[in-house]
Amino acid sequence: MTKNKKRFSFEEALEQELKDPEFRFYFERARAVRQISGIVRAARLRAGLTQAKLAQKAKTSQAVIARLEAGSDSRIPSLDLLERIASALKARLVINFEYKKAT
């Protein structure tokens, strides 16, 4: 005899989990790291630089750039590092808040 289990889509399960403030905090943190990694990689490629060349210009190591681009480092990159990377890419670091729409 099989039990009738309600199935949830990933989106439904995620929506439920995001109601937990601690889960939401770490989820949003991981999302920010992924966004930063994508932005840095895209900007580096646009500038036509290798990871090693960007690292040299930003006064860091290629390994730091690789970890940052991979999003595999659990640490949030410092503003100092991001500012050095932006400067090396002849860009300006912009930080913004997004607000939820009132319902």
N, C-alpha and C. Protein backbone atom coordinates (compact mmCIF):
# COMPACT_ATOMS: atom_id res chain seq x y z
N MET A 1 0.84 -1.18 0.00
CA MET A 1 0.00 0.00 0.00
C MET A 1 0.89 1.25 0.00
N THR A 2 0.69 2.13 -0.93
CA THR A 2 1.49 3.35 -1.00
C THR A 2 0.76 4.49 -0.31
N LYS A 3 1.53 5.28 0.37
CA LYS A 3 0.95 6.45 1.03
C LYS A 3 0.88 7.60 0.03
N ASN A 4 -0.15 8.35 0.13
CA ASN A 4 -0.34 9.50 -0.76
C ASN A 4 0.42 10.69 -0.16
N LYS A 5 1.60 10.95 -0.68
CA LYS A 5 2.42 12.06 -0.19
C LYS A 5 2.25 13.24 -1.13
N LYS A 6 2.10 14.41 -0.53
CA LYS A 6 2.00 15.63 -1.33
C LYS A 6 3.40 15.98 -1.81
N ARG A 7 3.53 16.25 -3.07
CA ARG A 7 4.82 16.64 -3.64
C ARG A 7 4.88 18.15 -3.73
N PHE A 8 6.06 18.67 -3.46
CA PHE A 8 6.31 20.10 -3.53
C PHE A 8 7.31 20.37 -4.64
N SER A 9 7.10 21.44 -5.35
CA SER A 9 8.10 21.86 -6.33
C SER A 9 9.26 22.48 -5.56
N PHE A 10 10.37 22.62 -6.23
CA PHE A 10 11.52 23.27 -5.60
C PHE A 10 11.15 24.67 -5.15
N GLU A 11 10.44 25.41 -5.99
CA GLU A 11 10.06 26.78 -5.66
C GLU A 11 9.17 26.83 -4.43
N GLU A 12 8.25 25.89 -4.30
CA GLU A 12 7.38 25.84 -3.12
C GLU A 12 8.18 25.53 -1.85
N ALA A 13 9.09 24.58 -1.96
CA ALA A 13 9.91 24.21 -0.81
C ALA A 13 10.82 25.37 -0.41
N LEU A 14 11.39 26.04 -1.40
CA LEU A 14 12.26 27.18 -1.11
C LEU A 14 11.47 28.31 -0.45
N GLU A 15 10.29 28.58 -0.98
CA GLU A 15 9.44 29.63 -0.39
C GLU A 15 9.16 29.33 1.07
N GLN A 16 8.90 28.08 1.38
CA GLN A 16 8.64 27.68 2.77
C GLN A 16 9.89 27.87 3.63
N GLU A 17 11.03 27.43 3.14
CA GLU A 17 12.28 27.55 3.90
C GLU A 17 12.67 29.00 4.14
N LEU A 18 12.39 29.87 3.15
CA LEU A 18 12.77 31.28 3.27
C LEU A 18 12.00 32.02 4.36
N LYS A 19 11.00 31.39 4.92
CA LYS A 19 10.27 31.99 6.04
C LYS A 19 11.10 31.95 7.33
N ASP A 20 12.09 31.07 7.36
CA ASP A 20 13.00 30.97 8.50
C ASP A 20 14.07 32.05 8.35
N PRO A 21 14.15 33.01 9.29
CA PRO A 21 15.10 34.13 9.16
C PRO A 21 16.57 33.68 9.03
N GLU A 22 16.95 32.65 9.75
CA GLU A 22 18.34 32.19 9.67
C GLU A 22 18.63 31.58 8.30
N PHE A 23 17.71 30.75 7.81
CA PHE A 23 17.87 30.18 6.47
C PHE A 23 17.94 31.29 5.44
N ARG A 24 17.04 32.28 5.53
CA ARG A 24 17.00 33.39 4.58
C ARG A 24 18.33 34.15 4.59
N PHE A 25 18.88 34.39 5.78
CA PHE A 25 20.16 35.11 5.89
C PHE A 25 21.25 34.39 5.09
N TYR A 26 21.41 33.10 5.32
CA TYR A 26 22.48 32.35 4.63
C TYR A 26 22.18 32.17 3.15
N PHE A 27 20.91 32.04 2.79
CA PHE A 27 20.54 31.93 1.39
C PHE A 27 20.89 33.23 0.65
N GLU A 28 20.53 34.36 1.23
CA GLU A 28 20.82 35.65 0.60
C GLU A 28 22.32 35.91 0.55
N ARG A 29 23.02 35.48 1.56
CA ARG A 29 24.49 35.63 1.58
C ARG A 29 25.11 34.84 0.43
N ALA A 30 24.67 33.60 0.25
CA ALA A 30 25.19 32.77 -0.84
C ALA A 30 24.83 33.38 -2.20
N ARG A 31 23.63 33.94 -2.29
CA ARG A 31 23.22 34.58 -3.54
C ARG A 31 24.13 35.77 -3.85
N ALA A 32 24.45 36.55 -2.83
CA ALA A 32 25.33 37.72 -3.03
C ALA A 32 26.71 37.27 -3.51
N VAL A 33 27.25 36.21 -2.93
CA VAL A 33 28.56 35.70 -3.35
C VAL A 33 28.51 35.26 -4.81
N ARG A 34 27.44 34.57 -5.20
CA ARG A 34 27.30 34.14 -6.60
C ARG A 34 27.21 35.34 -7.54
N GLN A 35 26.47 36.36 -7.14
CA GLN A 35 26.35 37.55 -7.98
C GLN A 35 27.70 38.25 -8.13
N ILE A 36 28.41 38.39 -7.03
CA ILE A 36 29.72 39.04 -7.08
C ILE A 36 30.66 38.24 -7.97
N SER A 37 30.65 36.93 -7.83
CA SER A 37 31.57 36.11 -8.64
C SER A 37 31.26 36.27 -10.12
N GLY A 38 29.99 36.29 -10.48
CA GLY A 38 29.62 36.46 -11.88
C GLY A 38 29.99 37.83 -12.43
N ILE A 39 29.79 38.85 -11.62
CA ILE A 39 30.12 40.22 -12.03
C ILE A 39 31.62 40.37 -12.25
N VAL A 40 32.41 39.85 -11.33
CA VAL A 40 33.87 39.97 -11.45
C VAL A 40 34.36 39.22 -12.68
N ARG A 41 33.86 38.00 -12.89
CA ARG A 41 34.31 37.22 -14.05
C ARG A 41 33.93 37.91 -15.36
N ALA A 42 32.69 38.38 -15.45
CA ALA A 42 32.24 39.05 -16.67
C ALA A 42 33.06 40.31 -16.94
N ALA A 43 33.35 41.07 -15.90
CA ALA A 43 34.13 42.30 -16.07
C ALA A 43 35.57 41.98 -16.48
N ARG A 44 36.13 40.92 -15.90
CA ARG A 44 37.50 40.53 -16.27
C ARG A 44 37.57 40.11 -17.73
N LEU A 45 36.60 39.31 -18.15
CA LEU A 45 36.57 38.86 -19.54
C LEU A 45 36.35 40.04 -20.48
N ARG A 46 35.49 40.96 -20.10
CA ARG A 46 35.23 42.15 -20.92
C ARG A 46 36.51 42.96 -21.10
N ALA A 47 37.33 43.01 -20.04
CA ALA A 47 38.59 43.75 -20.09
C ALA A 47 39.68 42.97 -20.82
N GLY A 48 39.41 41.70 -21.14
CA GLY A 48 40.39 40.89 -21.85
C GLY A 48 41.58 40.50 -20.98
N LEU A 49 41.36 40.35 -19.69
CA LEU A 49 42.44 40.01 -18.77
C LEU A 49 42.34 38.56 -18.31
N THR A 50 43.48 37.96 -18.05
CA THR A 50 43.51 36.65 -17.41
C THR A 50 43.32 36.87 -15.91
N GLN A 51 43.03 35.81 -15.20
CA GLN A 51 42.94 35.91 -13.74
C GLN A 51 44.26 36.40 -13.16
N ALA A 52 45.36 35.89 -13.69
CA ALA A 52 46.68 36.28 -13.19
C ALA A 52 46.95 37.77 -13.41
N LYS A 53 46.59 38.27 -14.58
CA LYS A 53 46.84 39.68 -14.89
C LYS A 53 45.95 40.57 -14.01
N LEU A 54 44.68 40.19 -13.84
CA LEU A 54 43.80 40.96 -12.96
C LEU A 54 44.33 40.95 -11.53
N ALA A 55 44.78 39.79 -11.08
CA ALA A 55 45.32 39.68 -9.72
C ALA A 55 46.52 40.61 -9.55
N GLN A 56 47.40 40.63 -10.53
CA GLN A 56 48.58 41.49 -10.47
C GLN A 56 48.15 42.96 -10.37
N LYS A 57 47.21 43.37 -11.19
CA LYS A 57 46.76 44.76 -11.19
C LYS A 57 46.02 45.12 -9.88
N ALA A 58 45.33 44.13 -9.30
CA ALA A 58 44.55 44.37 -8.07
C ALA A 58 45.37 44.08 -6.81
N LYS A 59 46.64 43.76 -7.00
CA LYS A 59 47.55 43.47 -5.88
C LYS A 59 47.01 42.36 -4.97
N THR A 60 46.68 41.25 -5.63
CA THR A 60 46.27 40.05 -4.92
C THR A 60 46.82 38.86 -5.68
N SER A 61 46.39 37.66 -5.34
CA SER A 61 46.91 36.48 -6.04
C SER A 61 45.86 35.95 -7.03
N GLN A 62 46.36 35.17 -7.99
CA GLN A 62 45.48 34.55 -8.96
C GLN A 62 44.52 33.60 -8.25
N ALA A 63 44.98 32.94 -7.21
CA ALA A 63 44.13 32.00 -6.46
C ALA A 63 42.94 32.72 -5.83
N VAL A 64 43.15 33.93 -5.34
CA VAL A 64 42.05 34.72 -4.77
C VAL A 64 41.02 35.04 -5.84
N ILE A 65 41.48 35.46 -7.01
CA ILE A 65 40.57 35.78 -8.11
C ILE A 65 39.82 34.52 -8.54
N ALA A 66 40.51 33.39 -8.63
CA ALA A 66 39.88 32.13 -9.03
C ALA A 66 38.80 31.73 -8.04
N ARG A 67 39.11 31.80 -6.74
CA ARG A 67 38.11 31.45 -5.72
C ARG A 67 36.92 32.39 -5.77
N LEU A 68 37.21 33.67 -5.95
CA LEU A 68 36.15 34.67 -6.02
C LEU A 68 35.24 34.39 -7.22
N GLU A 69 35.82 34.15 -8.38
CA GLU A 69 35.03 33.89 -9.58
C GLU A 69 34.26 32.58 -9.50
N ALA A 70 34.82 31.60 -8.82
CA ALA A 70 34.15 30.30 -8.69
C ALA A 70 33.02 30.35 -7.66
N GLY A 71 33.05 31.36 -6.80
CA GLY A 71 32.06 31.44 -5.74
C GLY A 71 32.25 30.35 -4.71
N SER A 72 33.45 29.75 -4.68
CA SER A 72 33.71 28.62 -3.79
C SER A 72 34.25 29.02 -2.43
N ASP A 73 34.54 30.30 -2.25
CA ASP A 73 35.06 30.78 -0.98
C ASP A 73 33.87 31.16 -0.11
N SER A 74 33.81 30.61 1.09
CA SER A 74 32.67 30.89 1.97
C SER A 74 32.72 32.31 2.54
N ARG A 75 33.88 32.96 2.39
CA ARG A 75 34.00 34.33 2.91
C ARG A 75 33.45 35.32 1.89
N ILE A 76 32.85 36.37 2.40
CA ILE A 76 32.40 37.46 1.54
C ILE A 76 33.63 38.30 1.20
N PRO A 77 33.85 38.63 -0.07
CA PRO A 77 35.02 39.45 -0.41
C PRO A 77 34.92 40.82 0.26
N SER A 78 36.04 41.32 0.71
CA SER A 78 36.06 42.61 1.40
C SER A 78 35.80 43.74 0.40
N LEU A 79 35.30 44.85 0.92
CA LEU A 79 35.12 46.02 0.08
C LEU A 79 36.46 46.50 -0.47
N ASP A 80 37.50 46.37 0.31
CA ASP A 80 38.84 46.76 -0.14
C ASP A 80 39.24 45.96 -1.38
N LEU A 81 39.05 44.63 -1.33
CA LEU A 81 39.39 43.79 -2.47
C LEU A 81 38.54 44.15 -3.68
N LEU A 82 37.24 44.32 -3.47
CA LEU A 82 36.36 44.65 -4.59
C LEU A 82 36.71 46.01 -5.19
N GLU A 83 37.10 46.95 -4.35
CA GLU A 83 37.51 48.27 -4.84
C GLU A 83 38.80 48.17 -5.66
N ARG A 84 39.75 47.35 -5.20
CA ARG A 84 40.99 47.16 -5.96
C ARG A 84 40.72 46.49 -7.30
N ILE A 85 39.81 45.52 -7.31
CA ILE A 85 39.46 44.84 -8.56
C ILE A 85 38.78 45.83 -9.50
N ALA A 86 37.85 46.61 -8.98
CA ALA A 86 37.17 47.61 -9.82
C ALA A 86 38.17 48.59 -10.40
N SER A 87 39.07 49.05 -9.58
CA SER A 87 40.09 50.00 -10.05
C SER A 87 40.97 49.36 -11.13
N ALA A 88 41.34 48.12 -10.93
CA ALA A 88 42.17 47.41 -11.91
C ALA A 88 41.44 47.25 -13.24
N LEU A 89 40.12 47.19 -13.16
CA LEU A 89 39.30 47.04 -14.37
C LEU A 89 38.83 48.38 -14.92
N LYS A 90 39.36 49.47 -14.32
CA LYS A 90 38.96 50.82 -14.73
C LYS A 90 37.45 51.00 -14.61
N ALA A 91 36.93 50.51 -13.49
CA ALA A 91 35.50 50.58 -13.21
C ALA A 91 35.29 51.23 -11.85
N ARG A 92 34.05 51.50 -11.54
CA ARG A 92 33.69 52.08 -10.25
C ARG A 92 32.81 51.07 -9.52
N LEU A 93 33.13 50.79 -8.28
CA LEU A 93 32.35 49.88 -7.46
C LEU A 93 31.07 50.59 -7.02
N VAL A 94 29.93 49.98 -7.28
CA VAL A 94 28.63 50.56 -6.90
C VAL A 94 27.91 49.56 -6.01
N ILE A 95 27.41 50.03 -4.89
CA ILE A 95 26.66 49.19 -3.96
C ILE A 95 25.28 49.79 -3.83
N ASN A 96 24.27 48.92 -3.80
CA ASN A 96 22.90 49.40 -3.82
C ASN A 96 22.03 48.55 -2.91
N PHE A 97 20.96 49.12 -2.41
CA PHE A 97 19.94 48.38 -1.68
C PHE A 97 18.73 48.23 -2.59
N GLU A 98 18.13 47.06 -2.57
CA GLU A 98 16.87 46.84 -3.26
C GLU A 98 15.80 46.72 -2.22
N TYR A 99 14.69 47.38 -2.43
CA TYR A 99 13.61 47.37 -1.47
C TYR A 99 12.46 46.50 -1.94
N LYS A 100 11.86 45.80 -1.00
CA LYS A 100 10.68 45.00 -1.32
C LYS A 100 9.52 45.94 -1.60
N LYS A 101 8.69 45.54 -2.52
CA LYS A 101 7.50 46.32 -2.81
C LYS A 101 6.50 46.09 -1.69
N ALA A 102 5.85 47.17 -1.28
CA ALA A 102 4.83 47.06 -0.25
C ALA A 102 3.64 46.29 -0.81
N THR A 103 3.13 45.37 -0.02
CA THR A 103 1.97 44.59 -0.49
C THR A 103 0.75 44.91 0.32
